[in-house]
């Protein structure tokens, strides 16, 4: 599905308000939990092309010297 910034903004607003149900473009959307909303939010951000700091991975290399 193709997401829009408007839909992401509406989801962000619902998360900020602490509600599981909201209406956008004449349609009411209801989620089972905050976890479901956060998962969808991450998916929407990826599909829209907005990376999140939380999804970035850090690589650490270990090195040592023998004397």
PDB file of N, CA and C in Angstrom:
ATOM      1  N   UNK A   1       0.844  -1.182   0.000  1.00  0.00           N
ATOM      2  CA  UNK A   1       0.000   0.000   0.000  1.00  0.00           C
ATOM      3  C   UNK A   1       0.883   1.237   0.000  1.00  0.00           C
ATOM      4  N   UNK A   2       0.444   2.235  -0.678  1.00  0.00           N
ATOM      5  CA  UNK A   2       1.180   3.482  -0.748  1.00  0.00           C
ATOM      6  C   UNK A   2       0.663   4.438   0.327  1.00  0.00           C
ATOM      7  N   UNK A   3       1.557   4.845   1.200  1.00  0.00           N
ATOM      8  CA  UNK A   3       1.184   5.733   2.302  1.00  0.00           C
ATOM      9  C   UNK A   3       1.504   7.174   1.939  1.00  0.00           C
ATOM     10  N   UNK A   4       0.780   8.098   2.554  1.00  0.00           N
ATOM     11  CA  UNK A   4       1.051   9.519   2.343  1.00  0.00           C
ATOM     12  C   UNK A   4       1.547  10.129   3.646  1.00  0.00           C
ATOM     13  N   UNK A   5       2.175  11.277   3.511  1.00  0.00           N
ATOM     14  CA  UNK A   5       2.645  12.001   4.698  1.00  0.00           C
ATOM     15  C   UNK A   5       1.462  12.396   5.574  1.00  0.00           C
ATOM     16  N   UNK A   6       0.322  12.701   4.966  1.00  0.00           N
ATOM     17  CA  UNK A   6      -0.881  13.061   5.729  1.00  0.00           C
ATOM     18  C   UNK A   6      -1.330  11.905   6.616  1.00  0.00           C
ATOM     19  N   UNK A   7      -1.298  10.687   6.074  1.00  0.00           N
ATOM     20  CA  UNK A   7      -1.691   9.515   6.856  1.00  0.00           C
ATOM     21  C   UNK A   7      -0.705   9.259   7.997  1.00  0.00           C
ATOM     22  N   UNK A   8       0.576   9.453   7.724  1.00  0.00           N
ATOM     23  CA  UNK A   8       1.583   9.302   8.772  1.00  0.00           C
ATOM     24  C   UNK A   8       1.385  10.354   9.857  1.00  0.00           C
ATOM     25  N   UNK A   9       1.112  11.580   9.462  1.00  0.00           N
ATOM     26  CA  UNK A   9       0.871  12.652  10.431  1.00  0.00           C
ATOM     27  C   UNK A   9      -0.344  12.355  11.298  1.00  0.00           C
ATOM     28  N   UNK A  10      -1.406  11.810  10.701  1.00  0.00           N
ATOM     29  CA  UNK A  10      -2.612  11.464  11.458  1.00  0.00           C
ATOM     30  C   UNK A  10      -2.315  10.354  12.464  1.00  0.00           C
ATOM     31  N   UNK A  11      -1.533   9.375  12.056  1.00  0.00           N
ATOM     32  CA  UNK A  11      -1.157   8.300  12.968  1.00  0.00           C
ATOM     33  C   UNK A  11      -0.292   8.840  14.101  1.00  0.00           C
ATOM     34  N   UNK A  12       0.660   9.712  13.778  1.00  0.00           N
ATOM     35  CA  UNK A  12       1.496  10.332  14.809  1.00  0.00           C
ATOM     36  C   UNK A  12       0.646  11.106  15.818  1.00  0.00           C
ATOM     37  N   UNK A  13      -0.350  11.828  15.326  1.00  0.00           N
ATOM     38  CA  UNK A  13      -1.230  12.600  16.206  1.00  0.00           C
ATOM     39  C   UNK A  13      -2.026  11.676  17.127  1.00  0.00           C
ATOM     40  N   UNK A  14      -2.514  10.572  16.579  1.00  0.00           N
ATOM     41  CA  UNK A  14      -3.273   9.618  17.396  1.00  0.00           C
ATOM     42  C   UNK A  14      -2.383   9.003  18.470  1.00  0.00           C
ATOM     43  N   UNK A  15      -1.149   8.660  18.108  1.00  0.00           N
ATOM     44  CA  UNK A  15      -0.206   8.105  19.088  1.00  0.00           C
ATOM     45  C   UNK A  15       0.064   9.129  20.184  1.00  0.00           C
ATOM     46  N   UNK A  16       0.280  10.381  19.793  1.00  0.00           N
ATOM     47  CA  UNK A  16       0.557  11.440  20.763  1.00  0.00           C
ATOM     48  C   UNK A  16      -0.618  11.677  21.699  1.00  0.00           C
ATOM     49  N   UNK A  17      -1.836  11.517  21.192  1.00  0.00           N
ATOM     50  CA  UNK A  17      -3.035  11.728  22.010  1.00  0.00           C
ATOM     51  C   UNK A  17      -3.374  10.517  22.862  1.00  0.00           C
ATOM     52  N   UNK A  18      -2.763   9.380  22.540  1.00  0.00           N
ATOM     53  CA  UNK A  18      -3.023   8.170  23.316  1.00  0.00           C
ATOM     54  C   UNK A  18      -4.333   7.489  22.965  1.00  0.00           C
ATOM     55  N   UNK A  19      -4.794   7.669  21.729  1.00  0.00           N
ATOM     56  CA  UNK A  19      -6.046   7.035  21.293  1.00  0.00           C
ATOM     57  C   UNK A  19      -5.757   5.893  20.332  1.00  0.00           C
ATOM     58  N   UNK A  20      -6.633   4.907  20.294  1.00  0.00           N
ATOM     59  CA  UNK A  20      -6.473   3.771  19.397  1.00  0.00           C
ATOM     60  C   UNK A  20      -7.359   3.878  18.163  1.00  0.00           C
ATOM     61  N   UNK A  21      -8.161   4.943  18.087  1.00  0.00           N
ATOM     62  CA  UNK A  21      -9.085   5.108  16.977  1.00  0.00           C
ATOM     63  C   UNK A  21      -9.106   6.572  16.541  1.00  0.00           C
ATOM     64  N   UNK A  22      -9.133   6.802  15.229  1.00  0.00           N
ATOM     65  CA  UNK A  22      -9.224   8.158  14.700  1.00  0.00           C
ATOM     66  C   UNK A  22      -9.845   8.111  13.308  1.00  0.00           C
ATOM     67  N   UNK A  23     -10.260   9.261  12.808  1.00  0.00           N
ATOM     68  CA  UNK A  23     -10.887   9.346  11.493  1.00  0.00           C
ATOM     69  C   UNK A  23     -10.007  10.182  10.568  1.00  0.00           C
ATOM     70  N   UNK A  24      -9.785   9.659   9.364  1.00  0.00           N
ATOM     71  CA  UNK A  24      -9.008  10.383   8.355  1.00  0.00           C
ATOM     72  C   UNK A  24      -9.677  10.153   6.996  1.00  0.00           C
ATOM     73  N   UNK A  25      -9.847  11.222   6.265  1.00  0.00           N
ATOM     74  CA  UNK A  25     -10.488  11.167   4.944  1.00  0.00           C
ATOM     75  C   UNK A  25     -11.832  10.446   4.984  1.00  0.00           C
ATOM     76  N   UNK A  26     -12.599  10.661   6.049  1.00  0.00           N
ATOM     77  CA  UNK A  26     -13.925  10.064   6.162  1.00  0.00           C
ATOM     78  C   UNK A  26     -13.943   8.614   6.590  1.00  0.00           C
ATOM     79  N   UNK A  27     -12.780   8.041   6.869  1.00  0.00           N
ATOM     80  CA  UNK A  27     -12.706   6.641   7.296  1.00  0.00           C
ATOM     81  C   UNK A  27     -12.187   6.570   8.726  1.00  0.00           C
ATOM     82  N   UNK A  28     -12.838   5.742   9.527  1.00  0.00           N
ATOM     83  CA  UNK A  28     -12.397   5.543  10.905  1.00  0.00           C
ATOM     84  C   UNK A  28     -11.450   4.351  10.958  1.00  0.00           C
ATOM     85  N   UNK A  29     -10.317   4.564  11.600  1.00  0.00           N
ATOM     86  CA  UNK A  29      -9.297   3.537  11.734  1.00  0.00           C
ATOM     87  C   UNK A  29      -9.167   3.195  13.208  1.00  0.00           C
ATOM     88  N   UNK A  30      -9.202   1.914  13.528  1.00  0.00           N
ATOM     89  CA  UNK A  30      -9.079   1.462  14.912  1.00  0.00           C
ATOM     90  C   UNK A  30      -7.986   0.402  15.002  1.00  0.00           C
ATOM     91  N   UNK A  31      -7.110   0.547  15.977  1.00  0.00           N
ATOM     92  CA  UNK A  31      -6.010  -0.393  16.195  1.00  0.00           C
ATOM     93  C   UNK A  31      -6.240  -1.175  17.477  1.00  0.00           C
ATOM     94  N   UNK A  32      -5.627  -2.337  17.572  1.00  0.00           N
ATOM     95  CA  UNK A  32      -5.766  -3.170  18.773  1.00  0.00           C
ATOM     96  C   UNK A  32      -4.890  -2.687  19.920  1.00  0.00           C
ATOM     97  N   UNK A  33      -3.723  -2.126  19.576  1.00  0.00           N
ATOM     98  CA  UNK A  33      -2.794  -1.732  20.631  1.00  0.00           C
ATOM     99  C   UNK A  33      -1.851  -0.640  20.130  1.00  0.00           C
ATOM    100  N   UNK A  34      -1.179  -0.018  21.068  1.00  0.00           N
ATOM    101  CA  UNK A  34      -0.165   0.968  20.734  1.00  0.00           C
ATOM    102  C   UNK A  34       0.973   0.302  19.971  1.00  0.00           C
ATOM    103  N   UNK A  35       1.303  -0.928  20.315  1.00  0.00           N
ATOM    104  CA  UNK A  35       2.363  -1.664  19.627  1.00  0.00           C
ATOM    105  C   UNK A  35       2.037  -1.806  18.134  1.00  0.00           C
ATOM    106  N   UNK A  36       0.794  -2.122  17.802  1.00  0.00           N
ATOM    107  CA  UNK A  36       0.373  -2.215  16.399  1.00  0.00           C
ATOM    108  C   UNK A  36       0.557  -0.876  15.685  1.00  0.00           C
ATOM    109  N   UNK A  37       0.233   0.209  16.377  1.00  0.00           N
ATOM    110  CA  UNK A  37       0.365   1.535  15.789  1.00  0.00           C
ATOM    111  C   UNK A  37       1.834   1.870  15.523  1.00  0.00           C
ATOM    112  N   UNK A  38       2.692   1.537  16.472  1.00  0.00           N
ATOM    113  CA  UNK A  38       4.115   1.836  16.321  1.00  0.00           C
ATOM    114  C   UNK A  38       4.748   1.012  15.205  1.00  0.00           C
ATOM    115  N   UNK A  39       4.319  -0.244  15.068  1.00  0.00           N
ATOM    116  CA  UNK A  39       4.825  -1.082  13.978  1.00  0.00           C
ATOM    117  C   UNK A  39       4.402  -0.514  12.627  1.00  0.00           C
ATOM    118  N   UNK A  40       3.146  -0.111  12.505  1.00  0.00           N
ATOM    119  CA  UNK A  40       2.664   0.470  11.259  1.00  0.00           C
ATOM    120  C   UNK A  40       3.383   1.778  10.975  1.00  0.00           C
ATOM    121  N   UNK A  41       3.610   2.581  12.008  1.00  0.00           N
ATOM    122  CA  UNK A  41       4.317   3.853  11.843  1.00  0.00           C
ATOM    123  C   UNK A  41       5.705   3.625  11.259  1.00  0.00           C
ATOM    124  N   UNK A  42       6.426   2.633  11.767  1.00  0.00           N
ATOM    125  CA  UNK A  42       7.762   2.318  11.256  1.00  0.00           C
ATOM    126  C   UNK A  42       7.683   1.873   9.795  1.00  0.00           C
ATOM    127  N   UNK A  43       6.691   1.058   9.464  1.00  0.00           N
ATOM    128  CA  UNK A  43       6.508   0.603   8.089  1.00  0.00           C
ATOM    129  C   UNK A  43       6.198   1.786   7.168  1.00  0.00           C
ATOM    130  N   UNK A  44       5.323   2.664   7.622  1.00  0.00           N
ATOM    131  CA  UNK A  44       4.963   3.833   6.820  1.00  0.00           C
ATOM    132  C   UNK A  44       6.190   4.707   6.569  1.00  0.00           C
ATOM    133  N   UNK A  45       6.998   4.923   7.601  1.00  0.00           N
ATOM    134  CA  UNK A  45       8.192   5.748   7.456  1.00  0.00           C
ATOM    135  C   UNK A  45       9.161   5.133   6.444  1.00  0.00           C
ATOM    136  N   UNK A  46       9.338   3.822   6.501  1.00  0.00           N
ATOM    137  CA  UNK A  46      10.226   3.152   5.543  1.00  0.00           C
ATOM    138  C   UNK A  46       9.702   3.318   4.119  1.00  0.00           C
ATOM    139  N   UNK A  47       8.413   3.108   3.919  1.00  0.00           N
ATOM    140  CA  UNK A  47       7.835   3.170   2.580  1.00  0.00           C
ATOM    141  C   UNK A  47       7.810   4.590   2.020  1.00  0.00           C
ATOM    142  N   UNK A  48       7.642   5.568   2.894  1.00  0.00           N
ATOM    143  CA  UNK A  48       7.657   6.964   2.454  1.00  0.00           C
ATOM    144  C   UNK A  48       9.097   7.412   2.192  1.00  0.00           C
ATOM    145  N   UNK A  49      10.040   6.740   2.837  1.00  0.00           N
ATOM    146  CA  UNK A  49      11.443   7.083   2.638  1.00  0.00           C
ATOM    147  C   UNK A  49      12.037   7.876   3.775  1.00  0.00           C
ATOM    148  N   UNK A  50      11.367   7.846   4.906  1.00  0.00           N
ATOM    149  CA  UNK A  50      11.877   8.536   6.081  1.00  0.00           C
ATOM    150  C   UNK A  50      12.566   7.519   6.975  1.00  0.00           C
ATOM    151  N   UNK A  51      13.853   7.561   7.045  1.00  0.00           N
ATOM    152  CA  UNK A  51      14.586   6.636   7.907  1.00  0.00           C
ATOM    153  C   UNK A  51      14.453   7.053   9.352  1.00  0.00           C
ATOM    154  N   UNK A  52      14.580   6.117  10.242  1.00  0.00           N
ATOM    155  CA  UNK A  52      14.554   6.429  11.657  1.00  0.00           C
ATOM    156  C   UNK A  52      15.890   6.077  12.264  1.00  0.00           C
ATOM    157  N   UNK A  53      16.279   6.811  13.271  1.00  0.00           N
ATOM    158  CA  UNK A  53      17.543   6.556  13.956  1.00  0.00           C
ATOM    159  C   UNK A  53      17.505   5.179  14.592  1.00  0.00           C
ATOM    160  N   UNK A  54      16.338   4.763  15.079  1.00  0.00           N
ATOM    161  CA  UNK A  54      16.216   3.479  15.745  1.00  0.00           C
ATOM    162  C   UNK A  54      16.473   2.313  14.800  1.00  0.00           C
ATOM    163  N   UNK A  55      16.225   2.502  13.512  1.00  0.00           N
ATOM    164  CA  UNK A  55      16.406   1.397  12.590  1.00  0.00           C
ATOM    165  C   UNK A  55      17.844   1.303  12.073  1.00  0.00           C
ATOM    166  N   UNK A  56      18.650   2.334  12.358  1.00  0.00           N
ATOM    167  CA  UNK A  56      20.035   2.307  11.910  1.00  0.00           C
ATOM    168  C   UNK A  56      20.823   1.299  12.739  1.00  0.00           C
ATOM    169  N   UNK A  57      21.720   0.588  12.068  1.00  0.00           N
ATOM    170  CA  UNK A  57      22.525  -0.401  12.760  1.00  0.00           C
ATOM    171  C   UNK A  57      23.950   0.103  12.872  1.00  0.00           C
ATOM    172  N   UNK A  58      24.567  -0.200  13.994  1.00  0.00           N
ATOM    173  CA  UNK A  58      25.944   0.191  14.216  1.00  0.00           C
ATOM    174  C   UNK A  58      26.804  -1.063  14.206  1.00  0.00           C
ATOM    175  N   UNK A  59      27.937  -0.970  13.555  1.00  0.00           N
ATOM    176  CA  UNK A  59      28.859  -2.092  13.502  1.00  0.00           C
ATOM    177  C   UNK A  59      30.105  -1.707  14.269  1.00  0.00           C
ATOM    178  N   UNK A  60      30.541  -2.574  15.153  1.00  0.00           N
ATOM    179  CA  UNK A  60      31.752  -2.354  15.931  1.00  0.00           C
ATOM    180  C   UNK A  60      32.731  -3.471  15.621  1.00  0.00           C
ATOM    181  N   UNK A  61      33.967  -3.099  15.337  1.00  0.00           N
ATOM    182  CA  UNK A  61      34.997  -4.086  15.045  1.00  0.00           C
ATOM    183  C   UNK A  61      35.980  -4.142  16.215  1.00  0.00           C
ATOM    184  N   UNK A  62      36.306  -5.327  16.610  1.00  0.00           N
ATOM    185  CA  UNK A  62      37.246  -5.543  17.696  1.00  0.00           C
ATOM    186  C   UNK A  62      38.619  -5.790  17.104  1.00  0.00           C
ATOM    187  N   UNK A  63      39.620  -5.154  17.652  1.00  0.00           N
ATOM    188  CA  UNK A  63      40.988  -5.411  17.208  1.00  0.00           C
ATOM    189  C   UNK A  63      41.903  -5.498  18.415  1.00  0.00           C
ATOM    190  N   UNK A  64      42.975  -6.214  18.259  1.00  0.00           N
ATOM    191  CA  UNK A  64      43.951  -6.326  19.338  1.00  0.00           C
ATOM    192  C   UNK A  64      45.315  -6.568  18.754  1.00  0.00           C
ATOM    193  N   UNK A  65      46.350  -6.276  19.559  1.00  0.00           N
ATOM    194  CA  UNK A  65      47.730  -6.485  19.141  1.00  0.00           C
ATOM    195  C   UNK A  65      48.388  -7.465  20.100  1.00  0.00           C
ATOM    196  N   UNK A  66      49.227  -8.270  19.531  1.00  0.00           N
ATOM    197  CA  UNK A  66      50.013  -9.190  20.329  1.00  0.00           C
ATOM    198  C   UNK A  66      51.416  -8.611  20.453  1.00  0.00           C
ATOM    199  N   UNK A  67      51.954  -8.613  21.641  1.00  0.00           N
ATOM    200  CA  UNK A  67      53.323  -8.103  21.839  1.00  0.00           C
ATOM    201  C   UNK A  67      54.333  -9.203  21.788  1.00  0.00           C
TER     202      UNK A  67
END
